[in-house]
């Protein structure tokens, strides 16, 4: 079984092919956080810190809207995809595998620590 590792994880905002996303990344190479990203042609650029729009997209992806009050922006910004998937499983059971939206890199959330 693969262990969780330092990999990026992407949640698209809006429709498929959207120009905006939220990405789990290591901007300082030590601490991972969710960051906004914006598409410019074929490249994705950093869009800055997590926003409420990004927070909503993450909560929706992991079906955690019912406990949104327990995950304010500052807390959610530092919750790894693996942690969010475990929270999902505790609420809904093991009924869904969460995949990254990153093109060519559809990694499962449980491997993104």
C-alpha atoms as a PDB file:
ATOM      1  CA  UNK A   1       0.000   0.000   0.000  1.00  0.00           C
ATOM      2  CA  UNK A   2       1.282   3.468  -0.884  1.00  0.00           C
ATOM      3  CA  UNK A   3       1.873   5.886   1.944  1.00  0.00           C
ATOM      4  CA  UNK A   4       0.774   9.490   1.913  1.00  0.00           C
ATOM      5  CA  UNK A   5       3.393  11.749   0.432  1.00  0.00           C
ATOM      6  CA  UNK A   6       4.088  15.281  -0.717  1.00  0.00           C
ATOM      7  CA  UNK A   7       1.959  15.527  -3.835  1.00  0.00           C
ATOM      8  CA  UNK A   8      -0.219  18.322  -5.101  1.00  0.00           C
ATOM      9  CA  UNK A   9      -3.985  17.846  -5.203  1.00  0.00           C
ATOM     10  CA  UNK A  10      -6.324  20.011  -7.281  1.00  0.00           C
ATOM     11  CA  UNK A  11     -10.015  20.870  -6.864  1.00  0.00           C
ATOM     12  CA  UNK A  12     -11.552  22.705  -9.826  1.00  0.00           C
ATOM     13  CA  UNK A  13     -13.898  25.600  -9.152  1.00  0.00           C
ATOM     14  CA  UNK A  14     -16.978  25.634 -11.357  1.00  0.00           C
ATOM     15  CA  UNK A  15     -17.455  23.619 -14.527  1.00  0.00           C
ATOM     16  CA  UNK A  16     -14.936  21.213 -16.035  1.00  0.00           C
ATOM     17  CA  UNK A  17     -12.303  23.161 -17.890  1.00  0.00           C
ATOM     18  CA  UNK A  18     -12.645  26.020 -15.423  1.00  0.00           C
ATOM     19  CA  UNK A  19      -9.939  28.663 -15.250  1.00  0.00           C
ATOM     20  CA  UNK A  20      -9.847  28.574 -11.447  1.00  0.00           C
ATOM     21  CA  UNK A  21      -8.876  25.896  -8.957  1.00  0.00           C
ATOM     22  CA  UNK A  22      -7.644  25.271  -5.452  1.00  0.00           C
ATOM     23  CA  UNK A  23      -4.371  23.387  -5.066  1.00  0.00           C
ATOM     24  CA  UNK A  24      -2.751  21.614  -2.130  1.00  0.00           C
ATOM     25  CA  UNK A  25       0.893  22.702  -2.367  1.00  0.00           C
ATOM     26  CA  UNK A  26       4.123  23.341  -0.463  1.00  0.00           C
ATOM     27  CA  UNK A  27       4.929  27.006  -1.207  1.00  0.00           C
ATOM     28  CA  UNK A  28       7.826  27.142   1.278  1.00  0.00           C
ATOM     29  CA  UNK A  29       8.848  23.472   0.809  1.00  0.00           C
ATOM     30  CA  UNK A  30       8.062  22.745   4.479  1.00  0.00           C
ATOM     31  CA  UNK A  31       4.407  23.498   5.116  1.00  0.00           C
ATOM     32  CA  UNK A  32       1.544  22.494   2.834  1.00  0.00           C
ATOM     33  CA  UNK A  33      -1.524  24.707   2.367  1.00  0.00           C
ATOM     34  CA  UNK A  34      -4.450  25.109  -0.006  1.00  0.00           C
ATOM     35  CA  UNK A  35      -3.772  27.924  -2.501  1.00  0.00           C
ATOM     36  CA  UNK A  36      -5.872  29.477  -5.219  1.00  0.00           C
ATOM     37  CA  UNK A  37      -4.713  28.994  -8.815  1.00  0.00           C
ATOM     38  CA  UNK A  38      -5.711  30.629 -12.076  1.00  0.00           C
ATOM     39  CA  UNK A  39      -5.232  29.316 -15.598  1.00  0.00           C
ATOM     40  CA  UNK A  40      -3.387  31.551 -18.053  1.00  0.00           C
ATOM     41  CA  UNK A  41      -3.425  29.856 -21.448  1.00  0.00           C
ATOM     42  CA  UNK A  42      -1.969  26.416 -20.821  1.00  0.00           C
ATOM     43  CA  UNK A  43      -0.202  27.352 -17.551  1.00  0.00           C
ATOM     44  CA  UNK A  44      -1.539  27.522 -14.017  1.00  0.00           C
ATOM     45  CA  UNK A  45      -0.426  30.499 -11.937  1.00  0.00           C
ATOM     46  CA  UNK A  46      -0.602  31.000  -8.199  1.00  0.00           C
ATOM     47  CA  UNK A  47      -3.677  32.975  -7.273  1.00  0.00           C
ATOM     48  CA  UNK A  48      -2.769  33.604  -3.652  1.00  0.00           C
ATOM     49  CA  UNK A  49      -4.136  32.279  -0.358  1.00  0.00           C
ATOM     50  CA  UNK A  50      -7.323  30.265  -0.009  1.00  0.00           C
ATOM     51  CA  UNK A  51     -10.504  32.319  -0.399  1.00  0.00           C
ATOM     52  CA  UNK A  52     -14.082  31.634   0.685  1.00  0.00           C
ATOM     53  CA  UNK A  53     -14.836  30.523  -2.892  1.00  0.00           C
ATOM     54  CA  UNK A  54     -11.999  27.999  -2.694  1.00  0.00           C
ATOM     55  CA  UNK A  55     -13.118  26.877   0.758  1.00  0.00           C
ATOM     56  CA  UNK A  56     -16.615  26.221  -0.584  1.00  0.00           C
ATOM     57  CA  UNK A  57     -15.214  24.172  -3.489  1.00  0.00           C
ATOM     58  CA  UNK A  58     -13.162  22.013  -1.110  1.00  0.00           C
ATOM     59  CA  UNK A  59     -16.096  21.468   1.271  1.00  0.00           C
ATOM     60  CA  UNK A  60     -18.314  20.506  -1.660  1.00  0.00           C
ATOM     61  CA  UNK A  61     -15.731  18.133  -3.187  1.00  0.00           C
ATOM     62  CA  UNK A  62     -15.303  16.243   0.089  1.00  0.00           C
ATOM     63  CA  UNK A  63     -19.019  16.555   0.989  1.00  0.00           C
ATOM     64  CA  UNK A  64     -18.228  18.310   4.265  1.00  0.00           C
ATOM     65  CA  UNK A  65     -20.775  21.127   4.009  1.00  0.00           C
ATOM     66  CA  UNK A  66     -22.634  19.793   7.054  1.00  0.00           C
ATOM     67  CA  UNK A  67     -19.599  20.487   9.262  1.00  0.00           C
ATOM     68  CA  UNK A  68     -18.478  23.703   7.547  1.00  0.00           C
ATOM     69  CA  UNK A  69     -18.665  25.563  10.865  1.00  0.00           C
ATOM     70  CA  UNK A  70     -15.886  23.273  12.187  1.00  0.00           C
ATOM     71  CA  UNK A  71     -13.673  24.132   9.215  1.00  0.00           C
ATOM     72  CA  UNK A  72     -13.251  27.913   9.038  1.00  0.00           C
ATOM     73  CA  UNK A  73     -10.983  29.290   6.333  1.00  0.00           C
ATOM     74  CA  UNK A  74      -7.829  29.385   8.487  1.00  0.00           C
ATOM     75  CA  UNK A  75      -8.318  25.781   9.647  1.00  0.00           C
ATOM     76  CA  UNK A  76      -9.288  24.331   6.275  1.00  0.00           C
ATOM     77  CA  UNK A  77      -6.316  26.023   4.589  1.00  0.00           C
ATOM     78  CA  UNK A  78      -4.010  23.598   6.437  1.00  0.00           C
ATOM     79  CA  UNK A  79      -6.093  20.388   6.268  1.00  0.00           C
ATOM     80  CA  UNK A  80      -4.504  17.847   3.911  1.00  0.00           C
ATOM     81  CA  UNK A  81      -6.666  16.070   1.330  1.00  0.00           C
ATOM     82  CA  UNK A  82      -6.008  12.846   3.236  1.00  0.00           C
ATOM     83  CA  UNK A  83      -7.433  14.386   6.435  1.00  0.00           C
ATOM     84  CA  UNK A  84     -10.492  15.722   4.600  1.00  0.00           C
ATOM     85  CA  UNK A  85     -11.149  12.320   3.055  1.00  0.00           C
ATOM     86  CA  UNK A  86     -10.993  10.705   6.513  1.00  0.00           C
ATOM     87  CA  UNK A  87     -13.490  13.285   7.772  1.00  0.00           C
ATOM     88  CA  UNK A  88     -15.727  12.434   4.803  1.00  0.00           C
ATOM     89  CA  UNK A  89     -15.520   8.719   5.634  1.00  0.00           C
ATOM     90  CA  UNK A  90     -16.469   9.352   9.270  1.00  0.00           C
ATOM     91  CA  UNK A  91     -19.576  11.260   8.127  1.00  0.00           C
ATOM     92  CA  UNK A  92     -20.654   9.281   5.075  1.00  0.00           C
ATOM     93  CA  UNK A  93     -18.853   5.954   5.176  1.00  0.00           C
ATOM     94  CA  UNK A  94     -16.374   4.681   2.642  1.00  0.00           C
ATOM     95  CA  UNK A  95     -18.541   5.389  -0.396  1.00  0.00           C
ATOM     96  CA  UNK A  96     -16.370   7.668  -2.512  1.00  0.00           C
ATOM     97  CA  UNK A  97     -12.759   7.942  -3.634  1.00  0.00           C
ATOM     98  CA  UNK A  98     -11.643  11.549  -4.022  1.00  0.00           C
ATOM     99  CA  UNK A  99      -9.428  12.134  -7.061  1.00  0.00           C
ATOM    100  CA  UNK A 100      -7.418  15.205  -7.907  1.00  0.00           C
ATOM    101  CA  UNK A 101      -8.668  17.215 -10.904  1.00  0.00           C
ATOM    102  CA  UNK A 102      -5.095  17.824 -12.020  1.00  0.00           C
ATOM    103  CA  UNK A 103      -4.791  16.754 -15.658  1.00  0.00           C
ATOM    104  CA  UNK A 104      -2.594  13.691 -16.034  1.00  0.00           C
ATOM    105  CA  UNK A 105      -2.236  13.309 -12.266  1.00  0.00           C
ATOM    106  CA  UNK A 106      -5.471  11.907 -10.871  1.00  0.00           C
ATOM    107  CA  UNK A 107      -4.049  10.969  -7.493  1.00  0.00           C
ATOM    108  CA  UNK A 108      -6.325   9.782  -4.709  1.00  0.00           C
ATOM    109  CA  UNK A 109      -6.734  12.099  -1.706  1.00  0.00           C
ATOM    110  CA  UNK A 110      -5.565   9.368   0.676  1.00  0.00           C
ATOM    111  CA  UNK A 111      -2.088   9.653  -0.847  1.00  0.00           C
ATOM    112  CA  UNK A 112      -1.867  13.451  -0.507  1.00  0.00           C
ATOM    113  CA  UNK A 113      -0.617  14.309   2.959  1.00  0.00           C
END
